[in-house]
Amino acid sequence: MIIIMFGAPGVGKGTQAAIAAVRKNILHLSTGEAFRNAISAGTEMGNIAKNYVESGGLVPDEIVTGIVKEALQKPEYSQGAILDGFPRTLVQARSLDNMLSELGKDIKMIINITLDGEEIVQRMLKRGRQDDNEVIIRHRLNVYNEQTAPLLEYYQSTGKMVNIDGNADVETVYARINQVFPTE
């Protein structure tokens, strides 16, 4: 079972994916973590990605997809995963569909956590991370709106997307997700 946790930066998709993974006994596959693991393990895709990361460039879609594919082929993901941070572009979404088809898997549900843009900015500022200043946050939201938000239409057309209001505390949002979370 493949679940995609989707939404703008700062909506809590990583937090919710981690909680759901523990409570539903399904592995959480964070793209960022998969990148770090592939680079440290020296996999073919990891070595290619490392060159882009070290030069400050954006890692191309096919490399991002390759790293996710490497991870999903590991035995521990045989029962599926909750994907967080992937896909981020239409090219990645289509590549994911093809990859899952090759692996004999499919997307069970896309959980889209929604939150007002100004609420996102305030939440991210409260996190206190070094890269969370208002200019950077607003830039990340603009990139999301330009590159990732178009996936909403793509996934809406599949009939597998569910919108979850993310404007609440962590447990309330999880309770909303739990109500719609698929069973095998």
N, C-alpha and C. Protein backbone atom coordinates (compact mmCIF):
# COMPACT_ATOMS: atom_id res chain seq x y z
N MET A 1 0.85 -1.18 0.00
CA MET A 1 0.00 0.00 0.00
C MET A 1 0.90 1.24 0.00
N ILE A 2 0.70 2.10 -0.97
CA ILE A 2 1.45 3.34 -1.07
C ILE A 2 0.49 4.49 -0.76
N ILE A 3 0.88 5.30 0.23
CA ILE A 3 0.13 6.49 0.62
C ILE A 3 1.05 7.68 0.36
N ILE A 4 0.52 8.73 -0.23
CA ILE A 4 1.29 9.95 -0.42
C ILE A 4 0.75 11.00 0.55
N MET A 5 1.64 11.53 1.38
CA MET A 5 1.29 12.64 2.26
C MET A 5 1.69 13.90 1.52
N PHE A 6 0.71 14.72 1.19
CA PHE A 6 0.91 15.84 0.28
C PHE A 6 0.52 17.15 0.95
N GLY A 7 1.10 18.23 0.48
CA GLY A 7 0.74 19.56 0.97
C GLY A 7 1.92 20.50 0.88
N ALA A 8 1.65 21.76 1.10
CA ALA A 8 2.67 22.80 1.03
C ALA A 8 3.69 22.62 2.15
N PRO A 9 4.86 23.25 2.00
CA PRO A 9 5.82 23.22 3.10
C PRO A 9 5.17 23.78 4.37
N GLY A 10 5.44 23.15 5.49
CA GLY A 10 4.95 23.66 6.76
C GLY A 10 3.56 23.23 7.19
N VAL A 11 2.87 22.41 6.37
CA VAL A 11 1.51 21.99 6.76
C VAL A 11 1.51 20.84 7.76
N GLY A 12 2.68 20.22 7.94
CA GLY A 12 2.77 19.12 8.89
C GLY A 12 2.76 17.75 8.28
N LYS A 13 3.01 17.65 6.97
CA LYS A 13 2.93 16.33 6.33
C LYS A 13 4.00 15.37 6.84
N GLY A 14 5.19 15.86 7.14
CA GLY A 14 6.24 15.00 7.69
C GLY A 14 5.88 14.49 9.07
N THR A 15 5.35 15.37 9.89
CA THR A 15 4.90 14.99 11.23
C THR A 15 3.79 13.96 11.15
N GLN A 16 2.81 14.21 10.31
CA GLN A 16 1.67 13.30 10.18
C GLN A 16 2.09 11.97 9.57
N ALA A 17 3.01 12.00 8.61
CA ALA A 17 3.50 10.75 8.01
C ALA A 17 4.21 9.91 9.07
N ALA A 18 5.01 10.55 9.92
CA ALA A 18 5.73 9.83 10.96
C ALA A 18 4.77 9.21 11.98
N ILE A 19 3.75 9.95 12.37
CA ILE A 19 2.76 9.44 13.32
C ILE A 19 1.98 8.27 12.71
N ALA A 20 1.50 8.47 11.48
CA ALA A 20 0.73 7.41 10.81
C ALA A 20 1.57 6.16 10.61
N ALA A 21 2.85 6.33 10.31
CA ALA A 21 3.74 5.18 10.10
C ALA A 21 3.79 4.32 11.35
N VAL A 22 3.94 4.94 12.50
CA VAL A 22 4.01 4.20 13.76
C VAL A 22 2.66 3.57 14.11
N ARG A 23 1.62 4.36 14.02
CA ARG A 23 0.29 3.88 14.44
C ARG A 23 -0.35 2.90 13.46
N LYS A 24 0.04 2.97 12.20
CA LYS A 24 -0.53 2.08 11.18
C LYS A 24 0.43 0.97 10.77
N ASN A 25 1.62 0.98 11.38
CA ASN A 25 2.63 -0.04 11.11
C ASN A 25 2.96 -0.15 9.61
N ILE A 26 3.25 1.01 9.04
CA ILE A 26 3.67 1.09 7.64
C ILE A 26 4.86 2.05 7.60
N LEU A 27 5.87 1.74 6.84
CA LEU A 27 7.08 2.55 6.84
C LEU A 27 6.87 3.93 6.23
N HIS A 28 7.56 4.90 6.80
CA HIS A 28 7.56 6.28 6.32
C HIS A 28 8.80 6.47 5.46
N LEU A 29 8.62 6.87 4.23
CA LEU A 29 9.75 7.14 3.34
C LEU A 29 9.82 8.63 3.06
N SER A 30 10.71 9.29 3.80
CA SER A 30 10.96 10.71 3.59
C SER A 30 11.98 10.82 2.46
N THR A 31 11.69 11.64 1.46
CA THR A 31 12.61 11.79 0.34
C THR A 31 13.96 12.32 0.82
N GLY A 32 13.94 13.27 1.74
CA GLY A 32 15.19 13.82 2.26
C GLY A 32 16.04 12.75 2.91
N GLU A 33 15.40 11.89 3.70
CA GLU A 33 16.12 10.80 4.35
C GLU A 33 16.64 9.79 3.32
N ALA A 34 15.83 9.50 2.30
CA ALA A 34 16.25 8.57 1.25
C ALA A 34 17.48 9.13 0.52
N PHE A 35 17.50 10.45 0.30
CA PHE A 35 18.65 11.10 -0.33
C PHE A 35 19.90 10.90 0.52
N ARG A 36 19.78 11.25 1.80
CA ARG A 36 20.94 11.14 2.70
C ARG A 36 21.43 9.70 2.77
N ASN A 37 20.52 8.75 2.84
CA ASN A 37 20.90 7.33 2.91
C ASN A 37 21.60 6.88 1.63
N ALA A 38 21.06 7.28 0.47
CA ALA A 38 21.65 6.88 -0.82
C ALA A 38 23.04 7.48 -0.98
N ILE A 39 23.20 8.73 -0.55
CA ILE A 39 24.50 9.39 -0.66
C ILE A 39 25.50 8.72 0.28
N SER A 40 25.09 8.48 1.54
CA SER A 40 26.04 7.88 2.49
C SER A 40 26.35 6.42 2.14
N ALA A 41 25.40 5.71 1.52
CA ALA A 41 25.64 4.32 1.13
C ALA A 41 26.45 4.23 -0.17
N GLY A 42 26.58 5.36 -0.87
CA GLY A 42 27.35 5.37 -2.11
C GLY A 42 26.67 4.61 -3.24
N THR A 43 25.31 4.61 -3.25
CA THR A 43 24.62 3.93 -4.35
C THR A 43 24.84 4.72 -5.64
N GLU A 44 24.54 4.09 -6.76
CA GLU A 44 24.72 4.76 -8.05
C GLU A 44 23.96 6.08 -8.09
N MET A 45 22.68 6.03 -7.71
CA MET A 45 21.87 7.25 -7.71
C MET A 45 22.36 8.24 -6.66
N GLY A 46 22.78 7.72 -5.52
CA GLY A 46 23.29 8.58 -4.45
C GLY A 46 24.53 9.35 -4.87
N ASN A 47 25.43 8.68 -5.58
CA ASN A 47 26.65 9.35 -6.06
C ASN A 47 26.33 10.44 -7.08
N ILE A 48 25.37 10.17 -7.94
CA ILE A 48 24.97 11.19 -8.93
C ILE A 48 24.34 12.37 -8.21
N ALA A 49 23.44 12.09 -7.26
CA ALA A 49 22.77 13.16 -6.51
C ALA A 49 23.77 13.99 -5.72
N LYS A 50 24.77 13.32 -5.16
CA LYS A 50 25.79 14.00 -4.35
C LYS A 50 26.46 15.13 -5.13
N ASN A 51 26.75 14.88 -6.40
CA ASN A 51 27.38 15.90 -7.24
C ASN A 51 26.49 17.15 -7.36
N TYR A 52 25.19 16.94 -7.54
CA TYR A 52 24.27 18.08 -7.64
C TYR A 52 24.17 18.81 -6.30
N VAL A 53 24.02 18.04 -5.22
CA VAL A 53 23.86 18.63 -3.89
C VAL A 53 25.09 19.45 -3.52
N GLU A 54 26.27 18.89 -3.76
CA GLU A 54 27.51 19.59 -3.39
C GLU A 54 27.74 20.84 -4.21
N SER A 55 27.21 20.87 -5.44
CA SER A 55 27.38 22.06 -6.27
C SER A 55 26.25 23.06 -6.07
N GLY A 56 25.29 22.71 -5.21
CA GLY A 56 24.17 23.61 -4.93
C GLY A 56 23.08 23.57 -5.96
N GLY A 57 23.16 22.63 -6.89
CA GLY A 57 22.15 22.53 -7.94
C GLY A 57 20.94 21.70 -7.51
N LEU A 58 19.86 21.84 -8.27
CA LEU A 58 18.68 21.02 -8.03
C LEU A 58 18.90 19.65 -8.65
N VAL A 59 18.54 18.64 -7.91
CA VAL A 59 18.69 17.27 -8.41
C VAL A 59 17.58 17.02 -9.44
N PRO A 60 17.94 16.56 -10.65
CA PRO A 60 16.94 16.33 -11.70
C PRO A 60 15.89 15.28 -11.29
N ASP A 61 14.71 15.43 -11.87
CA ASP A 61 13.59 14.54 -11.55
C ASP A 61 13.95 13.07 -11.66
N GLU A 62 14.69 12.69 -12.73
CA GLU A 62 14.97 11.26 -12.92
C GLU A 62 15.87 10.71 -11.82
N ILE A 63 16.73 11.55 -11.24
CA ILE A 63 17.60 11.11 -10.15
C ILE A 63 16.78 10.98 -8.86
N VAL A 64 15.92 11.96 -8.61
CA VAL A 64 15.05 11.90 -7.43
C VAL A 64 14.20 10.63 -7.49
N THR A 65 13.61 10.39 -8.65
CA THR A 65 12.78 9.20 -8.84
C THR A 65 13.61 7.94 -8.67
N GLY A 66 14.82 7.94 -9.18
CA GLY A 66 15.71 6.78 -9.04
C GLY A 66 16.02 6.46 -7.59
N ILE A 67 16.24 7.49 -6.79
CA ILE A 67 16.53 7.28 -5.37
C ILE A 67 15.31 6.70 -4.65
N VAL A 68 14.13 7.21 -4.97
CA VAL A 68 12.91 6.66 -4.37
C VAL A 68 12.72 5.22 -4.80
N LYS A 69 13.00 4.93 -6.08
CA LYS A 69 12.86 3.56 -6.58
C LYS A 69 13.82 2.63 -5.86
N GLU A 70 15.09 3.06 -5.68
CA GLU A 70 16.06 2.26 -4.94
C GLU A 70 15.53 1.92 -3.55
N ALA A 71 14.97 2.93 -2.89
CA ALA A 71 14.45 2.72 -1.53
C ALA A 71 13.26 1.76 -1.54
N LEU A 72 12.32 1.97 -2.46
CA LEU A 72 11.11 1.13 -2.49
C LEU A 72 11.39 -0.32 -2.87
N GLN A 73 12.54 -0.57 -3.48
CA GLN A 73 12.90 -1.95 -3.85
C GLN A 73 13.51 -2.72 -2.68
N LYS A 74 13.81 -2.05 -1.59
CA LYS A 74 14.37 -2.72 -0.42
C LYS A 74 13.29 -3.59 0.21
N PRO A 75 13.68 -4.73 0.77
CA PRO A 75 12.70 -5.67 1.35
C PRO A 75 11.79 -5.05 2.41
N GLU A 76 12.31 -4.11 3.19
CA GLU A 76 11.48 -3.54 4.26
C GLU A 76 10.29 -2.74 3.73
N TYR A 77 10.33 -2.36 2.44
CA TYR A 77 9.21 -1.63 1.84
C TYR A 77 8.29 -2.54 1.03
N SER A 78 8.41 -3.83 1.19
CA SER A 78 7.59 -4.76 0.41
C SER A 78 6.10 -4.60 0.69
N GLN A 79 5.75 -4.14 1.89
CA GLN A 79 4.34 -3.93 2.23
C GLN A 79 3.86 -2.52 1.89
N GLY A 80 4.78 -1.67 1.38
CA GLY A 80 4.40 -0.33 1.00
C GLY A 80 5.07 0.72 1.86
N ALA A 81 4.58 1.96 1.72
CA ALA A 81 5.18 3.08 2.43
C ALA A 81 4.26 4.29 2.39
N ILE A 82 4.54 5.18 3.33
CA ILE A 82 3.93 6.51 3.30
C ILE A 82 5.02 7.44 2.74
N LEU A 83 4.76 8.00 1.57
CA LEU A 83 5.73 8.88 0.93
C LEU A 83 5.51 10.32 1.39
N ASP A 84 6.60 10.98 1.72
CA ASP A 84 6.56 12.35 2.20
C ASP A 84 7.65 13.12 1.47
N GLY A 85 7.24 14.17 0.74
CA GLY A 85 8.22 14.97 -0.01
C GLY A 85 8.42 14.51 -1.44
N PHE A 86 7.61 13.58 -1.86
CA PHE A 86 7.71 13.06 -3.23
C PHE A 86 6.35 12.52 -3.63
N PRO A 87 5.88 12.79 -4.80
CA PRO A 87 6.48 13.58 -5.87
C PRO A 87 6.25 15.08 -5.65
N ARG A 88 7.08 15.88 -6.32
CA ARG A 88 6.96 17.33 -6.22
C ARG A 88 6.66 17.99 -7.55
N THR A 89 6.76 17.23 -8.63
CA THR A 89 6.47 17.77 -9.96
C THR A 89 5.62 16.75 -10.72
N LEU A 90 4.99 17.21 -11.79
CA LEU A 90 4.18 16.32 -12.62
C LEU A 90 5.04 15.22 -13.23
N VAL A 91 6.27 15.56 -13.64
CA VAL A 91 7.19 14.56 -14.19
C VAL A 91 7.46 13.48 -13.14
N GLN A 92 7.72 13.89 -11.89
CA GLN A 92 7.96 12.92 -10.82
C GLN A 92 6.72 12.07 -10.56
N ALA A 93 5.53 12.67 -10.61
CA ALA A 93 4.29 11.93 -10.37
C ALA A 93 4.09 10.85 -11.44
N ARG A 94 4.32 11.21 -12.67
CA ARG A 94 4.17 10.23 -13.76
C ARG A 94 5.24 9.14 -13.66
N SER A 95 6.46 9.54 -13.29
CA SER A 95 7.53 8.55 -13.10
C SER A 95 7.19 7.60 -11.96
N LEU A 96 6.61 8.16 -10.89
CA LEU A 96 6.19 7.33 -9.75
C LEU A 96 5.14 6.31 -10.19
N ASP A 97 4.17 6.76 -10.97
CA ASP A 97 3.14 5.83 -11.46
C ASP A 97 3.77 4.69 -12.25
N ASN A 98 4.71 5.02 -13.15
CA ASN A 98 5.38 3.99 -13.96
C ASN A 98 6.21 3.06 -13.09
N MET A 99 6.94 3.65 -12.14
CA MET A 99 7.79 2.86 -11.25
C MET A 99 6.94 1.89 -10.42
N LEU A 100 5.86 2.39 -9.86
CA LEU A 100 5.00 1.52 -9.03
C LEU A 100 4.39 0.41 -9.86
N SER A 101 4.03 0.73 -11.11
CA SER A 101 3.50 -0.29 -12.00
C SER A 101 4.53 -1.39 -12.22
N GLU A 102 5.81 -0.99 -12.46
CA GLU A 102 6.89 -1.97 -12.63
C GLU A 102 7.08 -2.83 -11.38
N LEU A 103 6.86 -2.23 -10.20
CA LEU A 103 7.06 -2.94 -8.94
C LEU A 103 5.80 -3.70 -8.49
N GLY A 104 4.73 -3.59 -9.30
CA GLY A 104 3.49 -4.27 -8.95
C GLY A 104 2.75 -3.62 -7.79
N LYS A 105 2.91 -2.31 -7.65
CA LYS A 105 2.26 -1.55 -6.57
C LYS A 105 1.48 -0.41 -7.19
N ASP A 106 0.61 0.17 -6.38
CA ASP A 106 -0.09 1.37 -6.84
C ASP A 106 -0.38 2.27 -5.65
N ILE A 107 -0.76 3.50 -5.97
CA ILE A 107 -1.08 4.48 -4.93
C ILE A 107 -2.48 4.18 -4.41
N LYS A 108 -2.57 3.99 -3.13
CA LYS A 108 -3.86 3.71 -2.49
C LYS A 108 -4.60 5.02 -2.20
N MET A 109 -3.86 6.04 -1.71
CA MET A 109 -4.49 7.30 -1.36
C MET A 109 -3.46 8.43 -1.34
N ILE A 110 -3.93 9.61 -1.70
CA ILE A 110 -3.14 10.83 -1.57
C ILE A 110 -3.84 11.66 -0.50
N ILE A 111 -3.14 11.92 0.59
CA ILE A 111 -3.70 12.71 1.69
C ILE A 111 -3.12 14.12 1.56
N ASN A 112 -3.96 15.05 1.14
CA ASN A 112 -3.54 16.43 0.91
C ASN A 112 -3.91 17.27 2.13
N ILE A 113 -2.89 17.68 2.90
CA ILE A 113 -3.14 18.51 4.07
C ILE A 113 -3.18 19.96 3.63
N THR A 114 -4.28 20.63 3.92
CA THR A 114 -4.47 22.01 3.48
C THR A 114 -4.34 22.98 4.65
N LEU A 115 -3.83 24.15 4.34
CA LEU A 115 -3.65 25.19 5.35
C LEU A 115 -3.47 26.52 4.63
N ASP A 116 -4.04 27.57 5.17
CA ASP A 116 -3.91 28.91 4.63
C ASP A 116 -2.44 29.35 4.60
N GLY A 117 -2.06 30.04 3.54
CA GLY A 117 -0.68 30.47 3.36
C GLY A 117 -0.11 31.28 4.52
N GLU A 118 -0.90 32.20 5.06
CA GLU A 118 -0.40 33.00 6.18
C GLU A 118 -0.22 32.15 7.44
N GLU A 119 -1.08 31.17 7.64
CA GLU A 119 -0.93 30.26 8.78
C GLU A 119 0.35 29.44 8.63
N ILE A 120 0.65 29.03 7.39
CA ILE A 120 1.89 28.30 7.13
C ILE A 120 3.10 29.15 7.50
N VAL A 121 3.10 30.41 7.06
CA VAL A 121 4.23 31.30 7.36
C VAL A 121 4.42 31.40 8.87
N GLN A 122 3.33 31.63 9.60
CA GLN A 122 3.44 31.78 11.06
C GLN A 122 3.93 30.49 11.72
N ARG A 123 3.43 29.35 11.29
CA ARG A 123 3.88 28.06 11.84
C ARG A 123 5.37 27.86 11.62
N MET A 124 5.81 28.12 10.38
CA MET A 124 7.21 27.88 10.06
C MET A 124 8.13 28.84 10.81
N LEU A 125 7.68 30.06 11.01
CA LEU A 125 8.49 31.02 11.79
C LEU A 125 8.63 30.55 13.23
N LYS A 126 7.59 29.94 13.78
CA LYS A 126 7.63 29.45 15.17
C LYS A 126 8.55 28.26 15.34
N ARG A 127 8.82 27.51 14.24
CA ARG A 127 9.70 26.34 14.35
C ARG A 127 11.11 26.75 14.74
N GLY A 128 11.48 27.95 14.35
CA GLY A 128 12.80 28.46 14.72
C GLY A 128 13.97 27.84 14.01
N ARG A 129 13.73 27.20 12.88
CA ARG A 129 14.85 26.64 12.12
C ARG A 129 15.64 27.77 11.46
N GLN A 130 16.91 27.51 11.25
CA GLN A 130 17.79 28.53 10.68
C GLN A 130 17.32 28.99 9.30
N ASP A 131 16.80 28.06 8.50
CA ASP A 131 16.37 28.42 7.14
C ASP A 131 14.90 28.86 7.08
N ASP A 132 14.29 29.07 8.25
CA ASP A 132 12.89 29.48 8.29
C ASP A 132 12.76 30.97 8.61
N ASN A 133 13.21 31.83 7.68
CA ASN A 133 12.90 33.25 7.83
C ASN A 133 11.80 33.57 6.82
N GLU A 134 11.14 34.68 7.03
CA GLU A 134 9.94 34.96 6.23
C GLU A 134 10.20 35.01 4.73
N VAL A 135 11.33 35.57 4.32
CA VAL A 135 11.64 35.66 2.88
C VAL A 135 11.79 34.26 2.29
N ILE A 136 12.55 33.40 2.96
CA ILE A 136 12.76 32.03 2.47
C ILE A 136 11.44 31.25 2.49
N ILE A 137 10.67 31.40 3.53
CA ILE A 137 9.39 30.69 3.63
C ILE A 137 8.48 31.08 2.48
N ARG A 138 8.36 32.38 2.23
CA ARG A 138 7.48 32.83 1.15
C ARG A 138 8.00 32.36 -0.22
N HIS A 139 9.32 32.32 -0.37
CA HIS A 139 9.89 31.79 -1.61
C HIS A 139 9.53 30.31 -1.77
N ARG A 140 9.67 29.52 -0.70
CA ARG A 140 9.34 28.10 -0.76
C ARG A 140 7.86 27.90 -1.10
N LEU A 141 7.00 28.75 -0.56
CA LEU A 141 5.56 28.65 -0.88
C LEU A 141 5.31 29.01 -2.34
N ASN A 142 6.01 30.01 -2.87
CA ASN A 142 5.87 30.35 -4.28
C ASN A 142 6.32 29.21 -5.17
N VAL A 143 7.46 28.59 -4.83
CA VAL A 143 7.94 27.43 -5.60
C VAL A 143 6.91 26.31 -5.55
N TYR A 144 6.37 26.05 -4.36
CA TYR A 144 5.33 25.03 -4.22
C TYR A 144 4.14 25.35 -5.12
N ASN A 145 3.66 26.59 -5.07
CA ASN A 145 2.49 26.98 -5.86
C ASN A 145 2.74 26.87 -7.36
N GLU A 146 3.96 27.14 -7.79
CA GLU A 146 4.29 27.07 -9.22
C GLU A 146 4.55 25.65 -9.69
N GLN A 147 5.30 24.88 -8.90
CA GLN A 147 5.78 23.58 -9.37
C GLN A 147 5.00 22.38 -8.83
N THR A 148 4.55 22.46 -7.59
CA THR A 148 3.96 21.28 -6.95
C THR A 148 2.44 21.34 -6.91
N ALA A 149 1.86 22.50 -6.67
CA ALA A 149 0.40 22.61 -6.60
C ALA A 149 -0.31 22.07 -7.84
N PRO A 150 0.29 22.19 -9.06
CA PRO A 150 -0.38 21.61 -10.23
C PRO A 150 -0.65 20.10 -10.09
N LEU A 151 0.06 19.42 -9.21
CA LEU A 151 -0.20 18.00 -8.99
C LEU A 151 -1.57 17.76 -8.37
N LEU A 152 -2.11 18.77 -7.72
CA LEU A 152 -3.43 18.60 -7.09
C LEU A 152 -4.48 18.20 -8.12
N GLU A 153 -4.47 18.86 -9.27
CA GLU A 153 -5.42 18.53 -10.34
C GLU A 153 -5.17 17.11 -10.85
N TYR A 154 -3.90 16.78 -11.02
CA TYR A 154 -3.53 15.44 -11.50
C TYR A 154 -4.04 14.37 -10.54
N TYR A 155 -3.79 14.56 -9.26
CA TYR A 155 -4.22 13.56 -8.28
C TYR A 155 -5.72 13.60 -8.01
N GLN A 156 -6.32 14.77 -8.12
CA GLN A 156 -7.78 14.86 -7.95
C GLN A 156 -8.47 14.00 -9.01
N SER A 157 -7.90 13.98 -10.21
CA SER A 157 -8.51 13.22 -11.31
C SER A 157 -8.45 11.71 -11.08
N THR A 158 -7.59 11.25 -10.16
CA THR A 158 -7.49 9.81 -9.90
C THR A 158 -8.62 9.31 -9.00
N GLY A 159 -9.28 10.23 -8.31
CA GLY A 159 -10.31 9.83 -7.36
C GLY A 159 -9.74 9.27 -6.07
N LYS A 160 -8.42 9.36 -5.90
CA LYS A 160 -7.77 8.80 -4.71
C LYS A 160 -7.31 9.87 -3.72
N MET A 161 -7.58 11.14 -4.03
CA MET A 161 -7.10 12.22 -3.17
C MET A 161 -8.17 12.64 -2.17
N VAL A 162 -7.71 12.84 -0.93
CA VAL A 162 -8.58 13.31 0.13
C VAL A 162 -7.95 14.55 0.73
N ASN A 163 -8.73 15.62 0.87
CA ASN A 163 -8.24 16.84 1.49
C ASN A 163 -8.50 16.80 2.99
N ILE A 164 -7.49 17.16 3.77
CA ILE A 164 -7.58 17.17 5.22
C ILE A 164 -7.24 18.58 5.69
N ASP A 165 -8.12 19.17 6.49
CA ASP A 165 -7.88 20.49 7.05
C ASP A 165 -6.76 20.39 8.08
N GLY A 166 -5.65 21.08 7.82
CA GLY A 166 -4.50 21.03 8.70
C GLY A 166 -4.48 22.13 9.74
N ASN A 167 -5.56 22.91 9.83
CA ASN A 167 -5.59 24.02 10.78
C ASN A 167 -6.09 23.56 12.14
N ALA A 168 -5.24 22.80 12.84
CA ALA A 168 -5.57 22.30 14.17
C ALA A 168 -4.29 21.76 14.79
N ASP A 169 -4.39 21.31 16.03
CA ASP A 169 -3.21 20.72 16.67
C ASP A 169 -2.91 19.37 16.02
N VAL A 170 -1.72 18.85 16.28
CA VAL A 170 -1.22 17.62 15.64
C VAL A 170 -2.18 16.45 15.81
N GLU A 171 -2.68 16.23 17.03
CA GLU A 171 -3.56 15.07 17.27
C GLU A 171 -4.90 15.21 16.58
N THR A 172 -5.43 16.43 16.50
CA THR A 172 -6.71 16.64 15.81
C THR A 172 -6.55 16.37 14.31
N VAL A 173 -5.44 16.85 13.73
CA VAL A 173 -5.20 16.61 12.31
C VAL A 173 -5.02 15.10 12.09
N TYR A 174 -4.29 14.44 12.99
CA TYR A 174 -4.12 12.99 12.83
C TYR A 174 -5.48 12.29 12.91
N ALA A 175 -6.33 12.71 13.82
CA ALA A 175 -7.66 12.09 13.94
C ALA A 175 -8.43 12.23 12.63
N ARG A 176 -8.30 13.37 11.98
CA ARG A 176 -8.96 13.58 10.68
C ARG A 176 -8.39 12.63 9.64
N ILE A 177 -7.07 12.46 9.65
CA ILE A 177 -6.41 11.54 8.70
C ILE A 177 -6.84 10.11 9.00
N ASN A 178 -6.87 9.76 10.27
CA ASN A 178 -7.22 8.40 10.68
C ASN A 178 -8.61 8.00 10.20
N GLN A 179 -9.52 8.97 10.15
CA GLN A 179 -10.89 8.68 9.70
C GLN A 179 -10.95 8.22 8.24
N VAL A 180 -10.00 8.69 7.44
CA VAL A 180 -10.03 8.35 6.01
C VAL A 180 -8.93 7.38 5.60
N PHE A 181 -8.01 7.07 6.53
CA PHE A 181 -6.86 6.24 6.20
C PHE A 181 -7.32 4.87 5.72
N PRO A 182 -6.81 4.43 4.58
CA PRO A 182 -7.29 3.16 4.03
C PRO A 182 -6.79 1.95 4.83
N THR A 183 -7.58 0.93 4.79
CA THR A 183 -7.12 -0.35 5.31
C THR A 183 -6.82 -1.22 4.09
N GLU A 184 -5.94 -2.13 4.24
CA GLU A 184 -5.50 -2.96 3.11
C GLU A 184 -6.61 -3.65 2.40
